[in-house]
Amino acid sequence: MKTLNNILKAFLLNILFIGVAFSATTCPALSIDKNYISPATQAEAVIGSALCALIQLKKDGEYRYHNVLDLIKKQVIPFIDIPYTAELVLDEHWEGLKPEEKKTFKGDLTKSLIEDYVSLLVNYDKFESIYVEVDKKIILEGKTSEVKIYTSTGSDREVTAITLKMIRNNSRWRVYDLVYQTISILEIEKMSYGAKIHRYGLHNFLQKI
């Protein structure tokens, strides 16, 4: 879990805190119901909206755990394809689960993602200027896509690349994986849950959560 937290921290520092890149006086409107034709446009909209809302919380003196938690639930989690991610994480175990067991696992995965994000966000208090560019030249394969995001900060402007893997379901693009320096959060979650299933057994593990 320490490795996962380090990757999430790198993602948050390089993506969410964009500073002058999104300096509008009002936060851009972001709707879960809007159909974005391009996954790159979808990613750009989510990043801009989430950052703007976080900065506004800071300006208003409301940057507290429960406020950040509420923001992440509303502005980040809906744009992650939890069902598809859960299916990939459990791999061969997924098809054998009952509907209520699938629901239990999806709830645990969502909770894990939220806790990781919020715990990192509430302990970060410097909104520095970071340059971010979403590459519009996407890799598109059927209903899945890869969107590269390039970030740089500081005087040396060293560029960091992060890849968002997205899938289009019901005409909407959502994220199912993030790759940073060849390390996939999806693969880390798969290994983490796989170890627990190996230790307790699948159904015993689901009962524990």
N, C-alpha and C. Protein backbone atom coordinates (compact mmCIF):
# COMPACT_ATOMS: atom_id res chain seq x y z
N MET A 1 0.83 -1.20 0.00
CA MET A 1 0.00 0.00 0.00
C MET A 1 0.87 1.26 0.00
N LYS A 2 2.08 1.15 0.58
CA LYS A 2 2.97 2.31 0.59
C LYS A 2 3.34 2.70 -0.84
N THR A 3 3.62 1.70 -1.67
CA THR A 3 3.95 1.98 -3.07
C THR A 3 2.80 2.65 -3.78
N LEU A 4 1.59 2.16 -3.55
CA LEU A 4 0.40 2.75 -4.17
C LEU A 4 0.24 4.20 -3.74
N ASN A 5 0.44 4.47 -2.46
CA ASN A 5 0.32 5.84 -1.96
C ASN A 5 1.34 6.76 -2.61
N ASN A 6 2.56 6.24 -2.83
CA ASN A 6 3.59 7.06 -3.48
C ASN A 6 3.19 7.40 -4.91
N ILE A 7 2.60 6.45 -5.61
CA ILE A 7 2.16 6.69 -6.99
C ILE A 7 1.02 7.69 -7.00
N LEU A 8 0.06 7.51 -6.10
CA LEU A 8 -1.07 8.44 -6.03
C LEU A 8 -0.59 9.84 -5.68
N LYS A 9 0.39 9.91 -4.79
CA LYS A 9 0.93 11.21 -4.41
C LYS A 9 1.56 11.88 -5.62
N ALA A 10 2.33 11.12 -6.37
CA ALA A 10 2.96 11.68 -7.58
C ALA A 10 1.90 12.16 -8.55
N PHE A 11 0.84 11.39 -8.70
CA PHE A 11 -0.25 11.78 -9.59
C PHE A 11 -0.91 13.06 -9.12
N LEU A 12 -1.20 13.13 -7.84
CA LEU A 12 -1.88 14.31 -7.30
C LEU A 12 -1.03 15.55 -7.43
N LEU A 13 0.25 15.44 -7.13
CA LEU A 13 1.13 16.60 -7.21
C LEU A 13 1.33 17.06 -8.64
N ASN A 14 1.32 16.12 -9.57
CA ASN A 14 1.59 16.47 -10.95
C ASN A 14 0.34 16.82 -11.76
N ILE A 15 -0.84 16.41 -11.27
CA ILE A 15 -2.04 16.61 -12.06
C ILE A 15 -3.05 17.54 -11.40
N LEU A 16 -3.43 17.27 -10.18
CA LEU A 16 -4.53 18.02 -9.60
C LEU A 16 -4.16 19.46 -9.25
N PHE A 17 -2.94 19.71 -8.83
CA PHE A 17 -2.55 21.05 -8.42
C PHE A 17 -1.88 21.79 -9.56
N ILE A 18 -2.69 22.30 -10.44
CA ILE A 18 -2.19 22.87 -11.68
C ILE A 18 -1.95 24.37 -11.57
N GLY A 19 -2.52 25.01 -10.57
CA GLY A 19 -2.27 26.43 -10.36
C GLY A 19 -2.73 27.30 -11.50
N VAL A 20 -1.80 28.02 -12.13
CA VAL A 20 -2.17 29.00 -13.16
C VAL A 20 -2.75 28.38 -14.42
N ALA A 21 -2.60 27.08 -14.60
CA ALA A 21 -3.15 26.46 -15.80
C ALA A 21 -4.68 26.57 -15.84
N PHE A 22 -5.31 26.63 -14.67
CA PHE A 22 -6.75 26.80 -14.59
C PHE A 22 -7.03 27.94 -13.61
N SER A 23 -6.93 29.17 -14.07
CA SER A 23 -7.03 30.32 -13.18
C SER A 23 -8.31 31.11 -13.39
N ALA A 24 -9.37 30.45 -13.87
CA ALA A 24 -10.64 31.14 -14.08
C ALA A 24 -11.20 31.61 -12.76
N THR A 25 -11.95 32.70 -12.80
CA THR A 25 -12.52 33.25 -11.57
C THR A 25 -13.65 32.38 -11.05
N THR A 26 -14.27 31.59 -11.91
CA THR A 26 -15.30 30.66 -11.48
C THR A 26 -14.96 29.27 -11.98
N CYS A 27 -15.37 28.26 -11.22
CA CYS A 27 -15.05 26.89 -11.60
C CYS A 27 -15.86 26.47 -12.82
N PRO A 28 -15.24 25.75 -13.74
CA PRO A 28 -15.98 25.29 -14.93
C PRO A 28 -17.05 24.29 -14.54
N ALA A 29 -18.18 24.36 -15.23
CA ALA A 29 -19.26 23.42 -14.96
C ALA A 29 -18.88 22.03 -15.45
N LEU A 30 -19.15 21.03 -14.65
CA LEU A 30 -18.81 19.67 -15.02
C LEU A 30 -19.99 18.77 -14.70
N SER A 31 -20.52 18.11 -15.70
CA SER A 31 -21.70 17.27 -15.50
C SER A 31 -21.39 15.82 -15.83
N ILE A 32 -21.81 14.92 -14.96
CA ILE A 32 -21.63 13.49 -15.21
C ILE A 32 -22.47 13.05 -16.41
N ASP A 33 -23.49 13.84 -16.75
CA ASP A 33 -24.39 13.48 -17.83
C ASP A 33 -23.91 13.97 -19.20
N LYS A 34 -22.88 14.80 -19.22
CA LYS A 34 -22.41 15.32 -20.49
C LYS A 34 -21.62 14.27 -21.25
N ASN A 35 -21.87 14.16 -22.54
CA ASN A 35 -21.15 13.21 -23.38
C ASN A 35 -19.96 13.90 -24.05
N TYR A 36 -18.75 13.54 -23.65
CA TYR A 36 -17.56 14.10 -24.26
C TYR A 36 -17.13 13.20 -25.41
N ILE A 37 -17.04 13.76 -26.60
CA ILE A 37 -16.67 12.96 -27.77
C ILE A 37 -15.26 12.42 -27.63
N SER A 38 -14.35 13.25 -27.11
CA SER A 38 -12.96 12.87 -26.97
C SER A 38 -12.62 12.53 -25.52
N PRO A 39 -11.91 11.42 -25.28
CA PRO A 39 -11.48 11.11 -23.91
C PRO A 39 -10.50 12.14 -23.37
N ALA A 40 -9.74 12.77 -24.28
CA ALA A 40 -8.81 13.81 -23.84
C ALA A 40 -9.57 15.01 -23.30
N THR A 41 -10.66 15.38 -23.97
CA THR A 41 -11.48 16.48 -23.50
C THR A 41 -12.12 16.15 -22.17
N GLN A 42 -12.55 14.90 -22.01
CA GLN A 42 -13.14 14.45 -20.75
C GLN A 42 -12.12 14.57 -19.62
N ALA A 43 -10.91 14.07 -19.86
CA ALA A 43 -9.86 14.12 -18.84
C ALA A 43 -9.53 15.55 -18.46
N GLU A 44 -9.42 16.40 -19.44
CA GLU A 44 -9.10 17.81 -19.21
C GLU A 44 -10.18 18.48 -18.37
N ALA A 45 -11.44 18.16 -18.66
CA ALA A 45 -12.55 18.76 -17.93
C ALA A 45 -12.57 18.32 -16.48
N VAL A 46 -12.33 17.04 -16.23
CA VAL A 46 -12.34 16.53 -14.86
C VAL A 46 -11.20 17.14 -14.04
N ILE A 47 -10.00 17.18 -14.63
CA ILE A 47 -8.85 17.75 -13.94
C ILE A 47 -9.09 19.22 -13.61
N GLY A 48 -9.55 19.98 -14.60
CA GLY A 48 -9.77 21.41 -14.38
C GLY A 48 -10.83 21.68 -13.35
N SER A 49 -11.93 20.95 -13.39
CA SER A 49 -13.03 21.17 -12.46
C SER A 49 -12.64 20.79 -11.04
N ALA A 50 -11.98 19.64 -10.88
CA ALA A 50 -11.58 19.19 -9.55
C ALA A 50 -10.58 20.14 -8.92
N LEU A 51 -9.59 20.55 -9.70
CA LEU A 51 -8.59 21.48 -9.19
C LEU A 51 -9.21 22.79 -8.77
N CYS A 52 -10.06 23.33 -9.62
CA CYS A 52 -10.70 24.62 -9.34
C CYS A 52 -11.48 24.55 -8.03
N ALA A 53 -12.21 23.46 -7.84
CA ALA A 53 -13.00 23.30 -6.63
C ALA A 53 -12.11 23.18 -5.40
N LEU A 54 -10.98 22.48 -5.52
CA LEU A 54 -10.06 22.34 -4.40
C LEU A 54 -9.44 23.69 -4.02
N ILE A 55 -9.05 24.44 -5.03
CA ILE A 55 -8.47 25.76 -4.78
C ILE A 55 -9.49 26.68 -4.13
N GLN A 56 -10.74 26.58 -4.57
CA GLN A 56 -11.79 27.41 -3.98
C GLN A 56 -12.02 27.06 -2.52
N LEU A 57 -11.96 25.77 -2.18
CA LEU A 57 -12.08 25.37 -0.77
C LEU A 57 -10.98 26.01 0.06
N LYS A 58 -9.77 26.03 -0.51
CA LYS A 58 -8.63 26.62 0.20
C LYS A 58 -8.84 28.12 0.41
N LYS A 59 -9.28 28.81 -0.64
CA LYS A 59 -9.51 30.26 -0.54
C LYS A 59 -10.60 30.59 0.47
N ASP A 60 -11.61 29.74 0.54
CA ASP A 60 -12.75 29.98 1.44
C ASP A 60 -12.47 29.55 2.87
N GLY A 61 -11.29 28.98 3.12
CA GLY A 61 -10.97 28.51 4.47
C GLY A 61 -11.74 27.26 4.85
N GLU A 62 -12.18 26.50 3.84
CA GLU A 62 -12.99 25.31 4.09
C GLU A 62 -12.25 24.02 3.69
N TYR A 63 -10.93 24.11 3.66
CA TYR A 63 -10.14 22.96 3.21
C TYR A 63 -9.97 21.97 4.36
N ARG A 64 -11.04 21.25 4.67
CA ARG A 64 -11.04 20.27 5.74
C ARG A 64 -11.42 18.90 5.20
N TYR A 65 -11.13 17.88 5.99
CA TYR A 65 -11.27 16.50 5.53
C TYR A 65 -12.64 16.21 4.94
N HIS A 66 -13.70 16.52 5.69
CA HIS A 66 -15.03 16.13 5.20
C HIS A 66 -15.43 16.90 3.94
N ASN A 67 -14.91 18.13 3.78
CA ASN A 67 -15.21 18.89 2.56
C ASN A 67 -14.47 18.32 1.35
N VAL A 68 -13.21 17.95 1.55
CA VAL A 68 -12.43 17.34 0.48
C VAL A 68 -13.02 15.98 0.12
N LEU A 69 -13.43 15.23 1.14
CA LEU A 69 -14.06 13.93 0.92
C LEU A 69 -15.31 14.07 0.06
N ASP A 70 -16.14 15.03 0.39
CA ASP A 70 -17.37 15.27 -0.37
C ASP A 70 -17.06 15.66 -1.81
N LEU A 71 -16.03 16.49 -1.98
CA LEU A 71 -15.65 16.94 -3.32
C LEU A 71 -15.17 15.77 -4.18
N ILE A 72 -14.32 14.91 -3.60
CA ILE A 72 -13.80 13.77 -4.35
C ILE A 72 -14.92 12.82 -4.75
N LYS A 73 -15.88 12.61 -3.85
CA LYS A 73 -17.01 11.74 -4.16
C LYS A 73 -17.83 12.29 -5.33
N LYS A 74 -17.96 13.61 -5.39
CA LYS A 74 -18.80 14.22 -6.40
C LYS A 74 -18.07 14.50 -7.71
N GLN A 75 -16.76 14.85 -7.63
CA GLN A 75 -16.09 15.36 -8.81
C GLN A 75 -15.01 14.46 -9.39
N VAL A 76 -14.66 13.39 -8.68
CA VAL A 76 -13.63 12.48 -9.20
C VAL A 76 -14.16 11.06 -9.38
N ILE A 77 -14.72 10.49 -8.32
CA ILE A 77 -15.18 9.10 -8.34
C ILE A 77 -16.18 8.82 -9.46
N PRO A 78 -17.15 9.71 -9.75
CA PRO A 78 -18.10 9.42 -10.84
C PRO A 78 -17.44 9.25 -12.20
N PHE A 79 -16.21 9.75 -12.34
CA PHE A 79 -15.52 9.65 -13.63
C PHE A 79 -14.50 8.52 -13.66
N ILE A 80 -14.58 7.65 -12.64
CA ILE A 80 -13.80 6.41 -12.63
C ILE A 80 -14.78 5.27 -12.84
N ASP A 81 -14.49 4.37 -13.78
CA ASP A 81 -15.38 3.25 -14.05
C ASP A 81 -15.12 2.15 -13.03
N ILE A 82 -15.76 2.27 -11.86
CA ILE A 82 -15.55 1.32 -10.78
C ILE A 82 -15.93 -0.11 -11.17
N PRO A 83 -17.10 -0.33 -11.81
CA PRO A 83 -17.45 -1.72 -12.17
C PRO A 83 -16.42 -2.38 -13.08
N TYR A 84 -15.95 -1.65 -14.09
CA TYR A 84 -14.97 -2.22 -15.02
C TYR A 84 -13.63 -2.43 -14.32
N THR A 85 -13.24 -1.47 -13.49
CA THR A 85 -11.99 -1.60 -12.75
C THR A 85 -12.04 -2.79 -11.80
N ALA A 86 -13.17 -2.95 -11.12
CA ALA A 86 -13.33 -4.07 -10.19
C ALA A 86 -13.22 -5.41 -10.92
N GLU A 87 -13.82 -5.48 -12.09
CA GLU A 87 -13.77 -6.71 -12.88
C GLU A 87 -12.33 -7.04 -13.28
N LEU A 88 -11.56 -6.04 -13.66
CA LEU A 88 -10.17 -6.26 -14.05
C LEU A 88 -9.31 -6.62 -12.84
N VAL A 89 -9.59 -6.01 -11.70
CA VAL A 89 -8.81 -6.28 -10.49
C VAL A 89 -9.00 -7.73 -10.03
N LEU A 90 -10.24 -8.20 -10.02
CA LEU A 90 -10.50 -9.57 -9.57
C LEU A 90 -10.21 -10.61 -10.63
N ASP A 91 -10.13 -10.18 -11.88
CA ASP A 91 -9.72 -11.06 -12.97
C ASP A 91 -10.58 -12.33 -13.03
N GLU A 92 -9.96 -13.51 -12.90
CA GLU A 92 -10.69 -14.76 -13.08
C GLU A 92 -11.71 -15.04 -11.98
N HIS A 93 -11.61 -14.32 -10.87
CA HIS A 93 -12.55 -14.53 -9.76
C HIS A 93 -13.90 -13.85 -9.99
N TRP A 94 -13.92 -12.85 -10.89
CA TRP A 94 -15.10 -11.99 -11.03
C TRP A 94 -16.36 -12.74 -11.45
N GLU A 95 -16.26 -13.56 -12.47
CA GLU A 95 -17.44 -14.23 -13.04
C GLU A 95 -18.11 -15.16 -12.04
N GLY A 96 -17.35 -15.69 -11.08
CA GLY A 96 -17.92 -16.63 -10.12
C GLY A 96 -18.63 -15.97 -8.95
N LEU A 97 -18.60 -14.66 -8.88
CA LEU A 97 -19.22 -13.96 -7.76
C LEU A 97 -20.72 -13.78 -7.97
N LYS A 98 -21.45 -13.78 -6.87
CA LYS A 98 -22.87 -13.47 -6.90
C LYS A 98 -23.02 -11.95 -7.01
N PRO A 99 -24.17 -11.47 -7.47
CA PRO A 99 -24.38 -10.02 -7.62
C PRO A 99 -24.10 -9.24 -6.35
N GLU A 100 -24.52 -9.76 -5.20
CA GLU A 100 -24.28 -9.03 -3.94
C GLU A 100 -22.81 -9.01 -3.57
N GLU A 101 -22.07 -10.07 -3.96
CA GLU A 101 -20.63 -10.10 -3.69
C GLU A 101 -19.90 -9.11 -4.58
N LYS A 102 -20.33 -8.99 -5.83
CA LYS A 102 -19.74 -8.00 -6.72
C LYS A 102 -19.98 -6.59 -6.17
N LYS A 103 -21.17 -6.36 -5.67
CA LYS A 103 -21.50 -5.06 -5.10
C LYS A 103 -20.63 -4.76 -3.89
N THR A 104 -20.40 -5.77 -3.05
CA THR A 104 -19.55 -5.60 -1.87
C THR A 104 -18.13 -5.24 -2.27
N PHE A 105 -17.60 -5.93 -3.27
CA PHE A 105 -16.23 -5.66 -3.71
C PHE A 105 -16.10 -4.28 -4.33
N LYS A 106 -17.07 -3.90 -5.15
CA LYS A 106 -17.02 -2.57 -5.77
C LYS A 106 -17.06 -1.48 -4.71
N GLY A 107 -17.83 -1.71 -3.65
CA GLY A 107 -17.89 -0.74 -2.55
C GLY A 107 -16.56 -0.62 -1.83
N ASP A 108 -15.88 -1.76 -1.63
CA ASP A 108 -14.58 -1.75 -0.95
C ASP A 108 -13.53 -1.06 -1.80
N LEU A 109 -13.56 -1.32 -3.11
CA LEU A 109 -12.60 -0.69 -4.02
C LEU A 109 -12.81 0.82 -4.06
N THR A 110 -14.06 1.25 -4.11
CA THR A 110 -14.37 2.68 -4.10
C THR A 110 -13.87 3.33 -2.82
N LYS A 111 -14.12 2.69 -1.70
CA LYS A 111 -13.68 3.21 -0.40
C LYS A 111 -12.17 3.34 -0.35
N SER A 112 -11.48 2.33 -0.88
CA SER A 112 -10.02 2.35 -0.90
C SER A 112 -9.49 3.52 -1.72
N LEU A 113 -10.07 3.74 -2.90
CA LEU A 113 -9.64 4.83 -3.76
C LEU A 113 -9.90 6.18 -3.10
N ILE A 114 -11.07 6.34 -2.51
CA ILE A 114 -11.43 7.60 -1.86
C ILE A 114 -10.49 7.90 -0.70
N GLU A 115 -10.26 6.90 0.14
CA GLU A 115 -9.41 7.12 1.31
C GLU A 115 -7.99 7.49 0.91
N ASP A 116 -7.47 6.84 -0.14
CA ASP A 116 -6.11 7.15 -0.61
C ASP A 116 -6.02 8.59 -1.13
N TYR A 117 -7.01 8.98 -1.93
CA TYR A 117 -7.01 10.33 -2.49
C TYR A 117 -7.14 11.38 -1.40
N VAL A 118 -8.13 11.23 -0.54
CA VAL A 118 -8.42 12.26 0.46
C VAL A 118 -7.30 12.40 1.46
N SER A 119 -6.74 11.27 1.91
CA SER A 119 -5.66 11.34 2.90
C SER A 119 -4.46 12.09 2.36
N LEU A 120 -4.21 11.97 1.05
CA LEU A 120 -3.10 12.70 0.43
C LEU A 120 -3.45 14.17 0.22
N LEU A 121 -4.66 14.43 -0.21
CA LEU A 121 -5.07 15.80 -0.50
C LEU A 121 -5.08 16.69 0.73
N VAL A 122 -5.63 16.18 1.83
CA VAL A 122 -5.78 17.02 3.02
C VAL A 122 -4.44 17.34 3.66
N ASN A 123 -3.40 16.59 3.34
CA ASN A 123 -2.08 16.85 3.89
C ASN A 123 -1.18 17.64 2.95
N TYR A 124 -1.76 18.12 1.86
CA TYR A 124 -1.00 18.93 0.90
C TYR A 124 -1.55 20.34 0.92
N ASP A 125 -0.69 21.29 1.24
CA ASP A 125 -1.21 22.66 1.41
C ASP A 125 -0.50 23.70 0.54
N LYS A 126 0.24 23.25 -0.48
CA LYS A 126 0.94 24.21 -1.34
C LYS A 126 0.39 24.11 -2.77
N PHE A 127 -0.24 25.18 -3.20
CA PHE A 127 -0.78 25.21 -4.55
C PHE A 127 0.20 25.94 -5.47
N GLU A 128 1.21 25.24 -5.90
CA GLU A 128 2.24 25.84 -6.74
C GLU A 128 1.84 25.79 -8.20
N SER A 129 2.46 26.62 -8.99
CA SER A 129 2.16 26.66 -10.42
C SER A 129 2.84 25.49 -11.13
N ILE A 130 2.02 24.65 -11.71
CA ILE A 130 2.51 23.49 -12.45
C ILE A 130 1.92 23.54 -13.85
N TYR A 131 2.74 23.39 -14.85
CA TYR A 131 2.26 23.42 -16.23
C TYR A 131 1.78 22.03 -16.62
N VAL A 132 0.59 21.96 -17.19
CA VAL A 132 0.01 20.68 -17.58
C VAL A 132 -0.50 20.76 -19.02
N GLU A 133 -0.24 19.71 -19.78
CA GLU A 133 -0.74 19.64 -21.15
C GLU A 133 -1.35 18.27 -21.39
N VAL A 134 -2.61 18.24 -21.80
CA VAL A 134 -3.28 16.99 -22.17
C VAL A 134 -3.07 16.77 -23.66
N ASP A 135 -2.43 15.67 -24.00
CA ASP A 135 -2.13 15.36 -25.40
C ASP A 135 -3.42 14.99 -26.12
N LYS A 136 -3.76 15.77 -27.14
CA LYS A 136 -4.98 15.51 -27.90
C LYS A 136 -4.81 14.36 -28.90
N LYS A 137 -3.56 13.92 -29.12
CA LYS A 137 -3.32 12.79 -30.01
C LYS A 137 -3.46 11.50 -29.21
N ILE A 138 -4.68 11.06 -29.05
CA ILE A 138 -4.98 9.92 -28.20
C ILE A 138 -4.75 8.60 -28.93
N ILE A 139 -4.59 7.54 -28.13
CA ILE A 139 -4.53 6.18 -28.66
C ILE A 139 -5.91 5.58 -28.47
N LEU A 140 -6.59 5.27 -29.57
CA LEU A 140 -7.96 4.80 -29.51
C LEU A 140 -8.06 3.39 -30.08
N GLU A 141 -8.57 2.47 -29.26
CA GLU A 141 -8.77 1.09 -29.70
C GLU A 141 -10.18 0.64 -29.31
N GLY A 142 -11.10 0.73 -30.27
CA GLY A 142 -12.47 0.37 -29.96
C GLY A 142 -13.08 1.29 -28.93
N LYS A 143 -13.52 0.73 -27.82
CA LYS A 143 -14.14 1.53 -26.77
C LYS A 143 -13.15 1.93 -25.67
N THR A 144 -11.88 1.61 -25.84
CA THR A 144 -10.87 2.01 -24.87
C THR A 144 -9.90 3.03 -25.48
N SER A 145 -9.28 3.79 -24.61
CA SER A 145 -8.37 4.83 -25.08
C SER A 145 -7.29 5.09 -24.04
N GLU A 146 -6.17 5.61 -24.49
CA GLU A 146 -5.10 6.05 -23.60
C GLU A 146 -4.84 7.53 -23.85
N VAL A 147 -4.85 8.29 -22.77
CA VAL A 147 -4.63 9.73 -22.85
C VAL A 147 -3.36 10.07 -22.08
N LYS A 148 -2.41 10.69 -22.75
CA LYS A 148 -1.17 11.08 -22.09
C LYS A 148 -1.28 12.52 -21.58
N ILE A 149 -0.80 12.72 -20.37
CA ILE A 149 -0.80 14.03 -19.74
C ILE A 149 0.64 14.37 -19.37
N TYR A 150 1.13 15.50 -19.87
CA TYR A 150 2.51 15.91 -19.60
C TYR A 150 2.51 17.06 -18.59
N THR A 151 3.33 16.92 -17.57
CA THR A 151 3.40 17.95 -16.55
C THR A 151 4.86 18.37 -16.34
N SER A 152 5.03 19.59 -15.90
CA SER A 152 6.36 20.08 -15.56
C SER A 152 6.23 21.17 -14.51
N THR A 153 7.27 21.32 -13.69
CA THR A 153 7.26 22.32 -12.65
C THR A 153 8.69 22.73 -12.32
N GLY A 154 8.85 23.87 -11.71
CA GLY A 154 10.18 24.33 -11.35
C GLY A 154 10.91 24.97 -12.50
N SER A 155 12.09 25.47 -12.22
CA SER A 155 12.87 26.20 -13.22
C SER A 155 13.39 25.29 -14.33
N ASP A 156 13.65 24.01 -13.99
CA ASP A 156 14.22 23.13 -15.01
C ASP A 156 13.16 22.60 -15.97
N ARG A 157 11.88 22.71 -15.58
CA ARG A 157 10.78 22.27 -16.43
C ARG A 157 10.94 20.83 -16.91
N GLU A 158 11.38 19.94 -16.02
CA GLU A 158 11.51 18.53 -16.37
C GLU A 158 10.11 17.95 -16.57
N VAL A 159 9.90 17.31 -17.70
CA VAL A 159 8.57 16.83 -18.06
C VAL A 159 8.32 15.43 -17.50
N THR A 160 7.14 15.24 -16.93
CA THR A 160 6.69 13.95 -16.45
C THR A 160 5.46 13.54 -17.24
N ALA A 161 5.43 12.29 -17.68
CA ALA A 161 4.29 11.79 -18.45
C ALA A 161 3.47 10.81 -17.62
N ILE A 162 2.17 10.98 -17.66
CA ILE A 162 1.24 10.09 -16.99
C ILE A 162 0.20 9.65 -18.01
N THR A 163 -0.14 8.39 -18.01
CA THR A 163 -1.13 7.87 -18.94
C THR A 163 -2.41 7.50 -18.22
N LEU A 164 -3.52 8.05 -18.67
CA LEU A 164 -4.83 7.66 -18.17
C LEU A 164 -5.43 6.67 -19.16
N LYS A 165 -5.81 5.51 -18.67
CA LYS A 165 -6.50 4.54 -19.51
C LYS A 165 -8.00 4.72 -19.28
N MET A 166 -8.74 4.89 -20.37
CA MET A 166 -10.16 5.21 -20.26
C MET A 166 -10.99 4.26 -21.11
N ILE A 167 -12.25 4.11 -20.72
CA ILE A 167 -13.18 3.26 -21.47
C ILE A 167 -14.48 4.01 -21.67
N ARG A 168 -15.09 3.79 -22.81
CA ARG A 168 -16.35 4.46 -23.14
C ARG A 168 -17.52 3.50 -22.93
N ASN A 169 -18.32 3.80 -21.93
CA ASN A 169 -19.53 3.03 -21.64
C ASN A 169 -20.72 3.96 -21.63
N ASN A 170 -21.79 3.55 -22.30
CA ASN A 170 -23.00 4.38 -22.36
C ASN A 170 -22.69 5.80 -22.82
N SER A 171 -21.83 5.89 -23.85
CA SER A 171 -21.47 7.17 -24.49
C SER A 171 -20.66 8.09 -23.59
N ARG A 172 -20.10 7.57 -22.50
CA ARG A 172 -19.31 8.42 -21.59
C ARG A 172 -17.94 7.80 -21.34
N TRP A 173 -16.91 8.63 -21.32
CA TRP A 173 -15.55 8.18 -21.06
C TRP A 173 -15.26 8.23 -19.56
N ARG A 174 -14.70 7.14 -19.05
CA ARG A 174 -14.30 7.11 -17.64
C ARG A 174 -12.94 6.43 -17.51
N VAL A 175 -12.22 6.78 -16.46
CA VAL A 175 -10.88 6.24 -16.21
C VAL A 175 -10.98 4.87 -15.54
N TYR A 176 -10.15 3.93 -15.96
CA TYR A 176 -10.08 2.65 -15.26
C TYR A 176 -8.65 2.30 -14.81
N ASP A 177 -7.67 3.08 -15.23
CA ASP A 177 -6.29 2.83 -14.79
C ASP A 177 -5.46 4.08 -14.98
N LEU A 178 -4.39 4.18 -14.21
CA LEU A 178 -3.43 5.27 -14.34
C LEU A 178 -2.04 4.66 -14.31
N VAL A 179 -1.22 5.04 -15.29
CA VAL A 179 0.13 4.50 -15.38
C VAL A 179 1.13 5.64 -15.19
N TYR A 180 2.00 5.49 -14.20
CA TYR A 180 3.02 6.50 -13.92
C TYR A 180 4.38 5.81 -13.89
N GLN A 181 5.27 6.22 -14.79
CA GLN A 181 6.61 5.62 -14.90
C GLN A 181 6.50 4.10 -15.03
N THR A 182 5.67 3.64 -15.93
CA THR A 182 5.42 2.23 -16.27
C THR A 182 4.71 1.45 -15.17
N ILE A 183 4.36 2.11 -14.07
CA ILE A 183 3.69 1.42 -12.97
C ILE A 183 2.19 1.69 -13.03
N SER A 184 1.40 0.63 -13.05
CA SER A 184 -0.05 0.72 -13.17
C SER A 184 -0.71 0.58 -11.81
N ILE A 185 -1.58 1.53 -11.47
CA ILE A 185 -2.33 1.44 -10.22
C ILE A 185 -3.25 0.23 -10.25
N LEU A 186 -3.82 -0.05 -11.43
CA LEU A 186 -4.69 -1.21 -11.57
C LEU A 186 -3.94 -2.49 -11.23
N GLU A 187 -2.71 -2.64 -11.72
CA GLU A 187 -1.92 -3.84 -11.45
C GLU A 187 -1.56 -3.94 -9.97
N ILE A 188 -1.30 -2.80 -9.35
CA ILE A 188 -0.97 -2.81 -7.92
C ILE A 188 -2.19 -3.24 -7.10
N GLU A 189 -3.37 -2.71 -7.46
CA GLU A 189 -4.59 -3.13 -6.77
C GLU A 189 -4.84 -4.63 -6.98
N LYS A 190 -4.58 -5.10 -8.19
CA LYS A 190 -4.78 -6.52 -8.50
C LYS A 190 -3.87 -7.40 -7.63
N MET A 191 -2.61 -6.99 -7.49
CA MET A 191 -1.68 -7.75 -6.67
C MET A 191 -2.08 -7.70 -5.20
N SER A 192 -2.52 -6.52 -4.73
CA SER A 192 -2.91 -6.36 -3.34
C SER A 192 -4.11 -7.23 -2.99
N TYR A 193 -5.14 -7.15 -3.81
CA TYR A 193 -6.33 -7.98 -3.55
C TYR A 193 -6.03 -9.46 -3.78
N GLY A 194 -5.18 -9.76 -4.76
CA GLY A 194 -4.81 -11.15 -5.02
C GLY A 194 -4.14 -11.79 -3.82
N ALA A 195 -3.28 -11.02 -3.15
CA ALA A 195 -2.59 -11.54 -1.96
C ALA A 195 -3.58 -11.82 -0.83
N LYS A 196 -4.58 -10.95 -0.69
CA LYS A 196 -5.58 -11.15 0.37
C LYS A 196 -6.46 -12.36 0.06
N ILE A 197 -6.82 -12.53 -1.21
CA ILE A 197 -7.63 -13.68 -1.61
C ILE A 197 -6.86 -14.98 -1.41
N HIS A 198 -5.56 -14.95 -1.73
CA HIS A 198 -4.71 -16.13 -1.53
C HIS A 198 -4.62 -16.48 -0.06
N ARG A 199 -4.60 -15.46 0.79
CA ARG A 199 -4.45 -15.68 2.24
C ARG A 199 -5.74 -16.19 2.88
N TYR A 200 -6.86 -15.56 2.54
CA TYR A 200 -8.11 -15.87 3.23
C TYR A 200 -9.06 -16.76 2.42
N GLY A 201 -8.86 -16.80 1.10
CA GLY A 201 -9.86 -17.42 0.24
C GLY A 201 -10.83 -16.35 -0.21
N LEU A 202 -11.35 -16.49 -1.41
CA LEU A 202 -12.17 -15.43 -2.00
C LEU A 202 -13.38 -15.08 -1.15
N HIS A 203 -14.18 -16.06 -0.81
CA HIS A 203 -15.44 -15.77 -0.12
C HIS A 203 -15.20 -15.35 1.33
N ASN A 204 -14.19 -15.91 1.98
CA ASN A 204 -13.85 -15.45 3.34
C ASN A 204 -13.38 -14.00 3.33
N PHE A 205 -12.61 -13.65 2.30
CA PHE A 205 -12.15 -12.27 2.17
C PHE A 205 -13.33 -11.33 1.97
N LEU A 206 -14.28 -11.69 1.12
CA LEU A 206 -15.45 -10.84 0.88
C LEU A 206 -16.29 -10.68 2.14
N GLN A 207 -16.32 -11.70 2.96
CA GLN A 207 -17.05 -11.60 4.22
C GLN A 207 -16.37 -10.62 5.18
N LYS A 208 -15.03 -10.57 5.12
CA LYS A 208 -14.28 -9.67 5.99
C LYS A 208 -14.51 -8.21 5.64
N ILE A 209 -14.78 -7.92 4.36
CA ILE A 209 -14.97 -6.52 3.96
C ILE A 209 -16.45 -6.15 3.98
